[in-house]
Protein backbone atom coordinates (compact mmCIF):
# COMPACT_ATOMS: atom_id res chain seq x y z
CA UNK A 1 0.00 0.00 0.00
CA UNK A 2 2.35 2.77 -1.09
CA UNK A 3 1.05 6.21 -0.15
CA UNK A 4 2.62 9.57 0.53
CA UNK A 5 0.19 10.31 3.38
CA UNK A 6 -1.11 7.00 4.76
CA UNK A 7 1.37 4.69 6.47
CA UNK A 8 -1.04 1.99 7.61
CA UNK A 9 -4.69 1.28 8.28
CA UNK A 10 -6.66 -1.45 10.00
CA UNK A 11 -10.35 -2.19 9.86
CA UNK A 12 -12.21 -3.94 12.68
CA UNK A 13 -15.33 -5.36 11.06
CA UNK A 14 -16.95 -6.31 14.38
CA UNK A 15 -16.62 -2.79 15.81
CA UNK A 16 -16.85 -1.10 12.38
CA UNK A 17 -13.86 1.06 13.23
CA UNK A 18 -11.06 2.13 10.97
CA UNK A 19 -7.71 3.02 12.52
CA UNK A 20 -5.45 5.10 10.29
CA UNK A 21 -1.77 5.87 10.84
CA UNK A 22 -0.41 8.73 8.78
CA UNK A 23 3.22 9.10 7.72
CA UNK A 24 3.49 11.89 10.30
CA UNK A 25 2.90 9.26 12.99
CA UNK A 26 -0.50 10.64 13.99
CA UNK A 27 -3.20 8.00 14.48
CA UNK A 28 -6.95 8.37 14.22
CA UNK A 29 -9.87 6.04 14.76
CA UNK A 30 -12.99 6.47 12.62
CA UNK A 31 -16.31 5.08 13.82
CA UNK A 32 -19.26 3.37 12.09
CA UNK A 33 -17.34 2.85 8.84
CA UNK A 34 -19.22 0.50 6.55
CA UNK A 35 -17.40 -2.69 5.52
CA UNK A 36 -17.91 -1.78 1.86
CA UNK A 37 -16.00 1.48 2.34
CA UNK A 38 -13.10 -0.29 4.05
CA UNK A 39 -12.99 -2.94 1.32
CA UNK A 40 -13.03 -0.30 -1.42
CA UNK A 41 -10.22 1.60 0.28
CA UNK A 42 -8.13 -1.55 0.52
CA UNK A 43 -8.13 -1.89 -3.30
CA UNK A 44 -8.05 1.83 -4.18
CA UNK A 45 -5.06 2.85 -6.28
CA UNK A 46 -4.75 6.19 -4.48
CA UNK A 47 -5.19 5.73 -0.73
CA UNK A 48 -4.87 9.46 -0.01
CA UNK A 49 -7.45 10.48 -2.60
CA UNK A 50 -9.89 7.80 -1.47
CA UNK A 51 -9.43 8.85 2.16
CA UNK A 52 -10.10 12.50 1.35
CA UNK A 53 -13.19 11.77 -0.76
CA UNK A 54 -14.84 8.90 1.12
CA UNK A 55 -13.64 8.95 4.75
CA UNK A 56 -12.31 12.31 5.93
CA UNK A 57 -15.05 14.59 7.28
CA UNK A 58 -17.67 11.85 6.82
CA UNK A 59 -17.20 9.80 9.99
CA UNK A 60 -16.88 10.64 13.66
CA UNK A 61 -13.27 10.22 14.73
CA UNK A 62 -10.79 10.69 17.52
CA UNK A 63 -7.05 11.13 17.57
CA UNK A 64 -5.28 8.32 19.40
CA UNK A 65 -2.31 8.77 21.71
CA UNK A 66 1.06 8.05 20.13
C-alpha atoms as a PDB file:
ATOM      1  CA  UNK A   1       0.000   0.000   0.000  1.00  0.00           C
ATOM      2  CA  UNK A   2       2.350   2.775  -1.091  1.00  0.00           C
ATOM      3  CA  UNK A   3       1.053   6.212  -0.148  1.00  0.00           C
ATOM      4  CA  UNK A   4       2.618   9.572   0.535  1.00  0.00           C
ATOM      5  CA  UNK A   5       0.194  10.312   3.375  1.00  0.00           C
ATOM      6  CA  UNK A   6      -1.111   6.997   4.761  1.00  0.00           C
ATOM      7  CA  UNK A   7       1.374   4.693   6.475  1.00  0.00           C
ATOM      8  CA  UNK A   8      -1.039   1.990   7.612  1.00  0.00           C
ATOM      9  CA  UNK A   9      -4.688   1.284   8.279  1.00  0.00           C
ATOM     10  CA  UNK A  10      -6.659  -1.455  10.004  1.00  0.00           C
ATOM     11  CA  UNK A  11     -10.354  -2.185   9.857  1.00  0.00           C
ATOM     12  CA  UNK A  12     -12.209  -3.942  12.681  1.00  0.00           C
ATOM     13  CA  UNK A  13     -15.330  -5.355  11.062  1.00  0.00           C
ATOM     14  CA  UNK A  14     -16.949  -6.306  14.380  1.00  0.00           C
ATOM     15  CA  UNK A  15     -16.623  -2.792  15.815  1.00  0.00           C
ATOM     16  CA  UNK A  16     -16.849  -1.102  12.380  1.00  0.00           C
ATOM     17  CA  UNK A  17     -13.856   1.057  13.229  1.00  0.00           C
ATOM     18  CA  UNK A  18     -11.060   2.131  10.966  1.00  0.00           C
ATOM     19  CA  UNK A  19      -7.706   3.022  12.516  1.00  0.00           C
ATOM     20  CA  UNK A  20      -5.450   5.096  10.288  1.00  0.00           C
ATOM     21  CA  UNK A  21      -1.773   5.872  10.843  1.00  0.00           C
ATOM     22  CA  UNK A  22      -0.409   8.730   8.775  1.00  0.00           C
ATOM     23  CA  UNK A  23       3.223   9.098   7.722  1.00  0.00           C
ATOM     24  CA  UNK A  24       3.494  11.889  10.299  1.00  0.00           C
ATOM     25  CA  UNK A  25       2.904   9.258  12.994  1.00  0.00           C
ATOM     26  CA  UNK A  26      -0.502  10.638  13.986  1.00  0.00           C
ATOM     27  CA  UNK A  27      -3.197   7.995  14.485  1.00  0.00           C
ATOM     28  CA  UNK A  28      -6.945   8.370  14.215  1.00  0.00           C
ATOM     29  CA  UNK A  29      -9.869   6.039  14.765  1.00  0.00           C
ATOM     30  CA  UNK A  30     -12.992   6.473  12.621  1.00  0.00           C
ATOM     31  CA  UNK A  31     -16.312   5.078  13.824  1.00  0.00           C
ATOM     32  CA  UNK A  32     -19.256   3.372  12.087  1.00  0.00           C
ATOM     33  CA  UNK A  33     -17.336   2.847   8.841  1.00  0.00           C
ATOM     34  CA  UNK A  34     -19.220   0.496   6.554  1.00  0.00           C
ATOM     35  CA  UNK A  35     -17.398  -2.687   5.519  1.00  0.00           C
ATOM     36  CA  UNK A  36     -17.907  -1.780   1.864  1.00  0.00           C
ATOM     37  CA  UNK A  37     -16.003   1.476   2.342  1.00  0.00           C
ATOM     38  CA  UNK A  38     -13.101  -0.289   4.053  1.00  0.00           C
ATOM     39  CA  UNK A  39     -12.988  -2.937   1.316  1.00  0.00           C
ATOM     40  CA  UNK A  40     -13.027  -0.303  -1.422  1.00  0.00           C
ATOM     41  CA  UNK A  41     -10.216   1.603   0.281  1.00  0.00           C
ATOM     42  CA  UNK A  42      -8.133  -1.548   0.515  1.00  0.00           C
ATOM     43  CA  UNK A  43      -8.131  -1.891  -3.300  1.00  0.00           C
ATOM     44  CA  UNK A  44      -8.052   1.832  -4.179  1.00  0.00           C
ATOM     45  CA  UNK A  45      -5.060   2.846  -6.282  1.00  0.00           C
ATOM     46  CA  UNK A  46      -4.751   6.190  -4.475  1.00  0.00           C
ATOM     47  CA  UNK A  47      -5.188   5.730  -0.726  1.00  0.00           C
ATOM     48  CA  UNK A  48      -4.873   9.458  -0.011  1.00  0.00           C
ATOM     49  CA  UNK A  49      -7.449  10.483  -2.602  1.00  0.00           C
ATOM     50  CA  UNK A  50      -9.888   7.797  -1.468  1.00  0.00           C
ATOM     51  CA  UNK A  51      -9.431   8.854   2.159  1.00  0.00           C
ATOM     52  CA  UNK A  52     -10.101  12.499   1.350  1.00  0.00           C
ATOM     53  CA  UNK A  53     -13.190  11.770  -0.758  1.00  0.00           C
ATOM     54  CA  UNK A  54     -14.837   8.903   1.124  1.00  0.00           C
ATOM     55  CA  UNK A  55     -13.641   8.949   4.752  1.00  0.00           C
ATOM     56  CA  UNK A  56     -12.314  12.308   5.931  1.00  0.00           C
ATOM     57  CA  UNK A  57     -15.052  14.589   7.278  1.00  0.00           C
ATOM     58  CA  UNK A  58     -17.675  11.849   6.824  1.00  0.00           C
ATOM     59  CA  UNK A  59     -17.200   9.802   9.992  1.00  0.00           C
ATOM     60  CA  UNK A  60     -16.883  10.644  13.656  1.00  0.00           C
ATOM     61  CA  UNK A  61     -13.266  10.216  14.732  1.00  0.00           C
ATOM     62  CA  UNK A  62     -10.794  10.690  17.522  1.00  0.00           C
ATOM     63  CA  UNK A  63      -7.046  11.125  17.567  1.00  0.00           C
ATOM     64  CA  UNK A  64      -5.282   8.319  19.403  1.00  0.00           C
ATOM     65  CA  UNK A  65      -2.306   8.772  21.705  1.00  0.00           C
ATOM     66  CA  UNK A  66       1.056   8.049  20.131  1.00  0.00           C
END
